[in-house]
Amino acid sequence: MKEKIYTVPISEAFERPDEGCPLCFLRRNLEEASLRYILGDAMMEPSVRLETNARGFCARHLARMLERPARLSLALMLESLYAHLEETGGKNLPALEAGCYVCDRIALFMEHFRRIIVW
């Protein structure tokens, strides 16, 4: 495969047979990167805050975020979510067992990766 910026992660995944399935490797890396992103710079982006307020966080990713040292970032995100729920009267309350912002971000990138692999 000719190397392009969008093929590098895929090439790396296929070059690591000791890591198991390349798609699983990509997913693990995406999950880790997404959690770093959401608790990092994205915390201050209004568009991301609006999206996380609308989608919330699934139980798995909320637990993974609680394990991290960036608790201030998580507290600000949850405070924003709580304020949003108060404003809307709890309508459209995100379900913890459903998907979340992080799940959707991973799914979007994985779909791109699958298309590139097939291409």
N, C-alpha and C. Protein backbone atom coordinates (compact mmCIF):
# COMPACT_ATOMS: atom_id res chain seq x y z
N MET A 1 0.85 -1.16 0.00
CA MET A 1 0.00 0.00 0.00
C MET A 1 0.90 1.23 0.00
N LYS A 2 0.58 2.18 -0.84
CA LYS A 2 1.34 3.42 -0.90
C LYS A 2 1.07 4.22 0.37
N GLU A 3 2.14 4.72 0.99
CA GLU A 3 1.97 5.43 2.27
C GLU A 3 1.44 6.83 2.08
N LYS A 4 0.37 7.07 2.73
CA LYS A 4 -0.26 8.39 2.82
C LYS A 4 -0.49 8.64 4.30
N ILE A 5 -0.80 9.85 4.66
CA ILE A 5 -1.01 10.18 6.08
C ILE A 5 -2.13 9.34 6.68
N TYR A 6 -3.15 9.02 5.89
CA TYR A 6 -4.29 8.26 6.40
C TYR A 6 -4.06 6.75 6.40
N THR A 7 -2.97 6.28 5.80
CA THR A 7 -2.69 4.85 5.81
C THR A 7 -1.66 4.44 6.85
N VAL A 8 -0.99 5.41 7.47
CA VAL A 8 0.06 5.10 8.44
C VAL A 8 -0.45 4.27 9.61
N PRO A 9 -1.55 4.66 10.28
CA PRO A 9 -2.03 3.84 11.40
C PRO A 9 -2.38 2.42 10.98
N ILE A 10 -2.91 2.26 9.78
CA ILE A 10 -3.28 0.94 9.29
C ILE A 10 -2.04 0.10 9.03
N SER A 11 -1.05 0.71 8.40
CA SER A 11 0.21 -0.01 8.15
C SER A 11 0.85 -0.44 9.46
N GLU A 12 0.85 0.44 10.44
CA GLU A 12 1.42 0.10 11.75
C GLU A 12 0.68 -1.06 12.39
N ALA A 13 -0.64 -1.07 12.27
CA ALA A 13 -1.43 -2.14 12.87
C ALA A 13 -1.12 -3.49 12.22
N PHE A 14 -0.94 -3.49 10.92
CA PHE A 14 -0.65 -4.75 10.22
C PHE A 14 0.81 -5.18 10.40
N GLU A 15 1.68 -4.27 10.81
CA GLU A 15 3.09 -4.61 11.04
C GLU A 15 3.33 -5.16 12.43
N ARG A 16 2.31 -5.25 13.27
CA ARG A 16 2.44 -5.71 14.64
C ARG A 16 1.64 -6.99 14.86
N PRO A 17 2.12 -8.11 14.36
CA PRO A 17 1.37 -9.36 14.53
C PRO A 17 1.29 -9.80 15.99
N ASP A 18 2.24 -9.36 16.82
CA ASP A 18 2.22 -9.73 18.23
C ASP A 18 1.11 -9.02 19.01
N GLU A 19 0.49 -8.00 18.41
CA GLU A 19 -0.58 -7.25 19.07
C GLU A 19 -1.96 -7.86 18.80
N GLY A 20 -2.03 -8.92 18.01
CA GLY A 20 -3.31 -9.55 17.71
C GLY A 20 -3.92 -8.99 16.44
N CYS A 21 -5.21 -9.02 16.40
CA CYS A 21 -5.97 -8.57 15.23
C CYS A 21 -5.67 -7.10 14.93
N PRO A 22 -5.35 -6.76 13.68
CA PRO A 22 -5.07 -5.37 13.34
C PRO A 22 -6.24 -4.42 13.61
N LEU A 23 -7.46 -4.89 13.35
CA LEU A 23 -8.62 -4.03 13.61
C LEU A 23 -8.82 -3.80 15.11
N CYS A 24 -8.57 -4.82 15.91
CA CYS A 24 -8.66 -4.67 17.36
C CYS A 24 -7.58 -3.71 17.87
N PHE A 25 -6.39 -3.82 17.29
CA PHE A 25 -5.29 -2.92 17.64
C PHE A 25 -5.67 -1.47 17.31
N LEU A 26 -6.24 -1.25 16.12
CA LEU A 26 -6.68 0.09 15.73
C LEU A 26 -7.75 0.61 16.68
N ARG A 27 -8.69 -0.25 17.05
CA ARG A 27 -9.77 0.17 17.95
C ARG A 27 -9.24 0.55 19.32
N ARG A 28 -8.32 -0.27 19.87
CA ARG A 28 -7.72 0.05 21.17
C ARG A 28 -7.00 1.39 21.13
N ASN A 29 -6.25 1.62 20.06
CA ASN A 29 -5.53 2.88 19.93
C ASN A 29 -6.49 4.06 19.78
N LEU A 30 -7.56 3.86 19.03
CA LEU A 30 -8.57 4.92 18.87
C LEU A 30 -9.25 5.25 20.20
N GLU A 31 -9.56 4.21 20.96
CA GLU A 31 -10.21 4.44 22.25
C GLU A 31 -9.29 5.24 23.17
N GLU A 32 -8.04 4.86 23.23
CA GLU A 32 -7.07 5.56 24.07
C GLU A 32 -6.90 7.00 23.61
N ALA A 33 -6.76 7.20 22.31
CA ALA A 33 -6.60 8.56 21.76
C ALA A 33 -7.85 9.40 22.00
N SER A 34 -9.02 8.79 21.87
CA SER A 34 -10.27 9.52 22.08
C SER A 34 -10.44 9.94 23.53
N LEU A 35 -10.05 9.07 24.45
CA LEU A 35 -10.14 9.44 25.88
C LEU A 35 -9.16 10.55 26.22
N ARG A 36 -7.95 10.48 25.65
CA ARG A 36 -6.98 11.57 25.86
C ARG A 36 -7.52 12.88 25.29
N TYR A 37 -8.12 12.79 24.10
CA TYR A 37 -8.67 13.96 23.42
C TYR A 37 -9.80 14.60 24.22
N ILE A 38 -10.74 13.78 24.66
CA ILE A 38 -11.91 14.32 25.35
C ILE A 38 -11.55 14.94 26.69
N LEU A 39 -10.53 14.42 27.35
CA LEU A 39 -10.11 14.97 28.63
C LEU A 39 -9.00 16.01 28.47
N GLY A 40 -8.59 16.26 27.26
CA GLY A 40 -7.53 17.24 26.99
C GLY A 40 -8.12 18.51 26.41
N ASP A 41 -7.63 18.85 25.24
CA ASP A 41 -8.02 20.11 24.60
C ASP A 41 -9.51 20.20 24.27
N ALA A 42 -10.13 19.09 23.96
CA ALA A 42 -11.53 19.11 23.55
C ALA A 42 -12.45 19.60 24.66
N MET A 43 -12.00 19.47 25.89
CA MET A 43 -12.82 19.88 27.02
C MET A 43 -13.23 21.35 26.91
N MET A 44 -12.39 22.17 26.30
CA MET A 44 -12.67 23.61 26.22
C MET A 44 -13.32 24.03 24.90
N GLU A 45 -13.55 23.10 24.00
CA GLU A 45 -14.18 23.43 22.73
C GLU A 45 -15.70 23.41 22.88
N PRO A 46 -16.36 24.54 22.63
CA PRO A 46 -17.82 24.59 22.79
C PRO A 46 -18.57 23.55 21.95
N SER A 47 -18.11 23.30 20.73
CA SER A 47 -18.81 22.33 19.88
C SER A 47 -18.75 20.91 20.48
N VAL A 48 -17.62 20.57 21.08
CA VAL A 48 -17.50 19.25 21.71
C VAL A 48 -18.36 19.20 22.97
N ARG A 49 -18.38 20.28 23.73
CA ARG A 49 -19.20 20.31 24.95
C ARG A 49 -20.68 20.15 24.61
N LEU A 50 -21.13 20.80 23.53
CA LEU A 50 -22.53 20.66 23.11
C LEU A 50 -22.82 19.21 22.73
N GLU A 51 -21.89 18.60 22.03
CA GLU A 51 -22.08 17.21 21.61
C GLU A 51 -22.06 16.25 22.80
N THR A 52 -21.14 16.44 23.73
CA THR A 52 -21.10 15.55 24.90
C THR A 52 -22.32 15.78 25.79
N ASN A 53 -22.83 17.00 25.82
CA ASN A 53 -24.06 17.25 26.58
C ASN A 53 -25.23 16.50 25.96
N ALA A 54 -25.27 16.45 24.65
CA ALA A 54 -26.37 15.76 23.96
C ALA A 54 -26.23 14.24 24.05
N ARG A 55 -25.01 13.73 23.93
CA ARG A 55 -24.78 12.29 23.89
C ARG A 55 -24.46 11.68 25.24
N GLY A 56 -23.82 12.44 26.12
CA GLY A 56 -23.40 11.88 27.41
C GLY A 56 -22.26 10.89 27.22
N PHE A 57 -22.06 10.04 28.22
CA PHE A 57 -21.00 9.04 28.18
C PHE A 57 -21.57 7.69 28.60
N CYS A 58 -21.15 6.65 27.90
CA CYS A 58 -21.58 5.30 28.28
C CYS A 58 -20.85 4.90 29.57
N ALA A 59 -21.34 3.88 30.21
CA ALA A 59 -20.77 3.44 31.49
C ALA A 59 -19.30 3.05 31.33
N ARG A 60 -18.97 2.37 30.25
CA ARG A 60 -17.59 1.93 30.03
C ARG A 60 -16.64 3.11 29.93
N HIS A 61 -16.97 4.10 29.12
CA HIS A 61 -16.06 5.22 28.93
C HIS A 61 -16.06 6.17 30.12
N LEU A 62 -17.18 6.28 30.81
CA LEU A 62 -17.19 7.08 32.03
C LEU A 62 -16.27 6.45 33.07
N ALA A 63 -16.31 5.15 33.20
CA ALA A 63 -15.43 4.45 34.14
C ALA A 63 -13.97 4.61 33.73
N ARG A 64 -13.69 4.50 32.43
CA ARG A 64 -12.31 4.67 31.95
C ARG A 64 -11.80 6.08 32.21
N MET A 65 -12.69 7.09 32.09
CA MET A 65 -12.28 8.47 32.35
C MET A 65 -12.03 8.70 33.83
N LEU A 66 -12.82 8.03 34.69
CA LEU A 66 -12.62 8.17 36.13
C LEU A 66 -11.30 7.58 36.60
N GLU A 67 -10.75 6.63 35.85
CA GLU A 67 -9.46 6.01 36.19
C GLU A 67 -8.27 6.92 35.89
N ARG A 68 -8.50 7.96 35.12
CA ARG A 68 -7.41 8.82 34.66
C ARG A 68 -7.16 9.97 35.62
N PRO A 69 -5.94 10.52 35.57
CA PRO A 69 -5.62 11.62 36.48
C PRO A 69 -6.27 12.95 36.10
N ALA A 70 -6.84 13.10 34.92
CA ALA A 70 -7.43 14.36 34.47
C ALA A 70 -8.85 14.52 35.01
N ARG A 71 -8.98 14.46 36.32
CA ARG A 71 -10.33 14.50 36.90
C ARG A 71 -10.96 15.89 36.83
N LEU A 72 -10.14 16.94 36.82
CA LEU A 72 -10.71 18.28 36.70
C LEU A 72 -11.41 18.43 35.36
N SER A 73 -10.80 17.93 34.30
CA SER A 73 -11.42 17.98 32.97
C SER A 73 -12.74 17.23 32.97
N LEU A 74 -12.75 16.05 33.56
CA LEU A 74 -13.98 15.26 33.63
C LEU A 74 -15.03 15.98 34.47
N ALA A 75 -14.63 16.57 35.57
CA ALA A 75 -15.56 17.29 36.43
C ALA A 75 -16.21 18.45 35.67
N LEU A 76 -15.43 19.17 34.87
CA LEU A 76 -15.99 20.27 34.09
C LEU A 76 -16.96 19.76 33.03
N MET A 77 -16.62 18.64 32.40
CA MET A 77 -17.53 18.05 31.41
C MET A 77 -18.84 17.62 32.07
N LEU A 78 -18.74 16.96 33.22
CA LEU A 78 -19.94 16.49 33.91
C LEU A 78 -20.77 17.64 34.46
N GLU A 79 -20.10 18.71 34.90
CA GLU A 79 -20.81 19.90 35.36
C GLU A 79 -21.61 20.50 34.22
N SER A 80 -21.01 20.57 33.04
CA SER A 80 -21.68 21.08 31.86
C SER A 80 -22.87 20.20 31.49
N LEU A 81 -22.68 18.89 31.56
CA LEU A 81 -23.76 17.94 31.26
C LEU A 81 -24.90 18.10 32.26
N TYR A 82 -24.56 18.26 33.53
CA TYR A 82 -25.58 18.44 34.56
C TYR A 82 -26.38 19.73 34.33
N ALA A 83 -25.67 20.81 34.00
CA ALA A 83 -26.35 22.08 33.72
C ALA A 83 -27.27 21.94 32.51
N HIS A 84 -26.83 21.22 31.50
CA HIS A 84 -27.65 20.98 30.31
C HIS A 84 -28.91 20.20 30.69
N LEU A 85 -28.75 19.19 31.54
CA LEU A 85 -29.91 18.40 31.96
C LEU A 85 -30.88 19.23 32.78
N GLU A 86 -30.36 20.14 33.60
CA GLU A 86 -31.24 21.02 34.37
C GLU A 86 -32.01 21.95 33.45
N GLU A 87 -31.34 22.48 32.43
CA GLU A 87 -31.99 23.39 31.48
C GLU A 87 -33.10 22.70 30.70
N THR A 88 -32.85 21.46 30.31
CA THR A 88 -33.83 20.74 29.49
C THR A 88 -34.83 19.96 30.33
N GLY A 89 -34.70 20.03 31.64
CA GLY A 89 -35.61 19.30 32.50
C GLY A 89 -35.40 17.80 32.46
N GLY A 90 -34.22 17.37 32.04
CA GLY A 90 -33.91 15.95 31.99
C GLY A 90 -34.44 15.25 30.76
N LYS A 91 -35.02 16.02 29.81
CA LYS A 91 -35.51 15.41 28.57
C LYS A 91 -34.31 14.92 27.77
N ASN A 92 -34.51 13.85 27.07
CA ASN A 92 -33.44 13.24 26.26
C ASN A 92 -32.23 12.87 27.11
N LEU A 93 -32.49 12.40 28.31
CA LEU A 93 -31.42 11.98 29.20
C LEU A 93 -30.62 10.85 28.54
N PRO A 94 -29.30 11.05 28.36
CA PRO A 94 -28.50 9.99 27.74
C PRO A 94 -28.48 8.75 28.62
N ALA A 95 -28.65 7.58 28.01
CA ALA A 95 -28.62 6.32 28.74
C ALA A 95 -27.18 5.84 28.88
N LEU A 96 -26.80 5.43 30.08
CA LEU A 96 -25.43 4.99 30.32
C LEU A 96 -25.06 3.74 29.54
N GLU A 97 -26.04 2.90 29.24
CA GLU A 97 -25.72 1.66 28.52
C GLU A 97 -25.70 1.86 27.00
N ALA A 98 -26.18 3.00 26.55
CA ALA A 98 -26.15 3.28 25.11
C ALA A 98 -24.77 3.81 24.73
N GLY A 99 -24.61 4.12 23.48
CA GLY A 99 -23.34 4.68 23.01
C GLY A 99 -23.14 6.08 23.57
N CYS A 100 -21.99 6.64 23.26
CA CYS A 100 -21.67 7.97 23.77
C CYS A 100 -20.81 8.71 22.76
N TYR A 101 -20.35 9.89 23.12
CA TYR A 101 -19.50 10.68 22.25
C TYR A 101 -18.25 9.91 21.86
N VAL A 102 -17.62 9.27 22.82
CA VAL A 102 -16.39 8.51 22.57
C VAL A 102 -16.69 7.30 21.67
N CYS A 103 -17.76 6.58 21.96
CA CYS A 103 -18.16 5.43 21.13
C CYS A 103 -18.39 5.86 19.68
N ASP A 104 -19.10 6.98 19.50
CA ASP A 104 -19.40 7.47 18.15
C ASP A 104 -18.13 7.89 17.42
N ARG A 105 -17.20 8.51 18.13
CA ARG A 105 -15.93 8.94 17.53
C ARG A 105 -15.12 7.72 17.08
N ILE A 106 -15.07 6.70 17.91
CA ILE A 106 -14.36 5.47 17.57
C ILE A 106 -15.02 4.82 16.35
N ALA A 107 -16.34 4.73 16.35
CA ALA A 107 -17.07 4.10 15.23
C ALA A 107 -16.81 4.85 13.93
N LEU A 108 -16.79 6.17 13.98
CA LEU A 108 -16.54 6.97 12.78
C LEU A 108 -15.15 6.68 12.20
N PHE A 109 -14.13 6.71 13.05
CA PHE A 109 -12.77 6.44 12.59
C PHE A 109 -12.61 4.99 12.12
N MET A 110 -13.23 4.05 12.82
CA MET A 110 -13.13 2.65 12.41
C MET A 110 -13.76 2.43 11.04
N GLU A 111 -14.84 3.12 10.75
CA GLU A 111 -15.46 3.02 9.43
C GLU A 111 -14.51 3.54 8.36
N HIS A 112 -13.83 4.64 8.63
CA HIS A 112 -12.83 5.15 7.69
C HIS A 112 -11.71 4.13 7.48
N PHE A 113 -11.23 3.55 8.58
CA PHE A 113 -10.16 2.56 8.49
C PHE A 113 -10.59 1.34 7.67
N ARG A 114 -11.82 0.88 7.90
CA ARG A 114 -12.31 -0.27 7.14
C ARG A 114 -12.36 0.02 5.65
N ARG A 115 -12.82 1.21 5.30
CA ARG A 115 -12.91 1.60 3.88
C ARG A 115 -11.50 1.66 3.26
N ILE A 116 -10.56 2.19 3.99
CA ILE A 116 -9.18 2.29 3.48
C ILE A 116 -8.58 0.90 3.32
N ILE A 117 -8.82 0.01 4.26
CA ILE A 117 -8.29 -1.35 4.17
C ILE A 117 -8.85 -2.06 2.95
N VAL A 118 -10.15 -1.94 2.71
CA VAL A 118 -10.77 -2.59 1.57
C VAL A 118 -10.27 -1.97 0.26
N TRP A 119 -10.06 -0.66 0.28
CA TRP A 119 -9.56 0.03 -0.91
C TRP A 119 -8.18 -0.47 -1.24
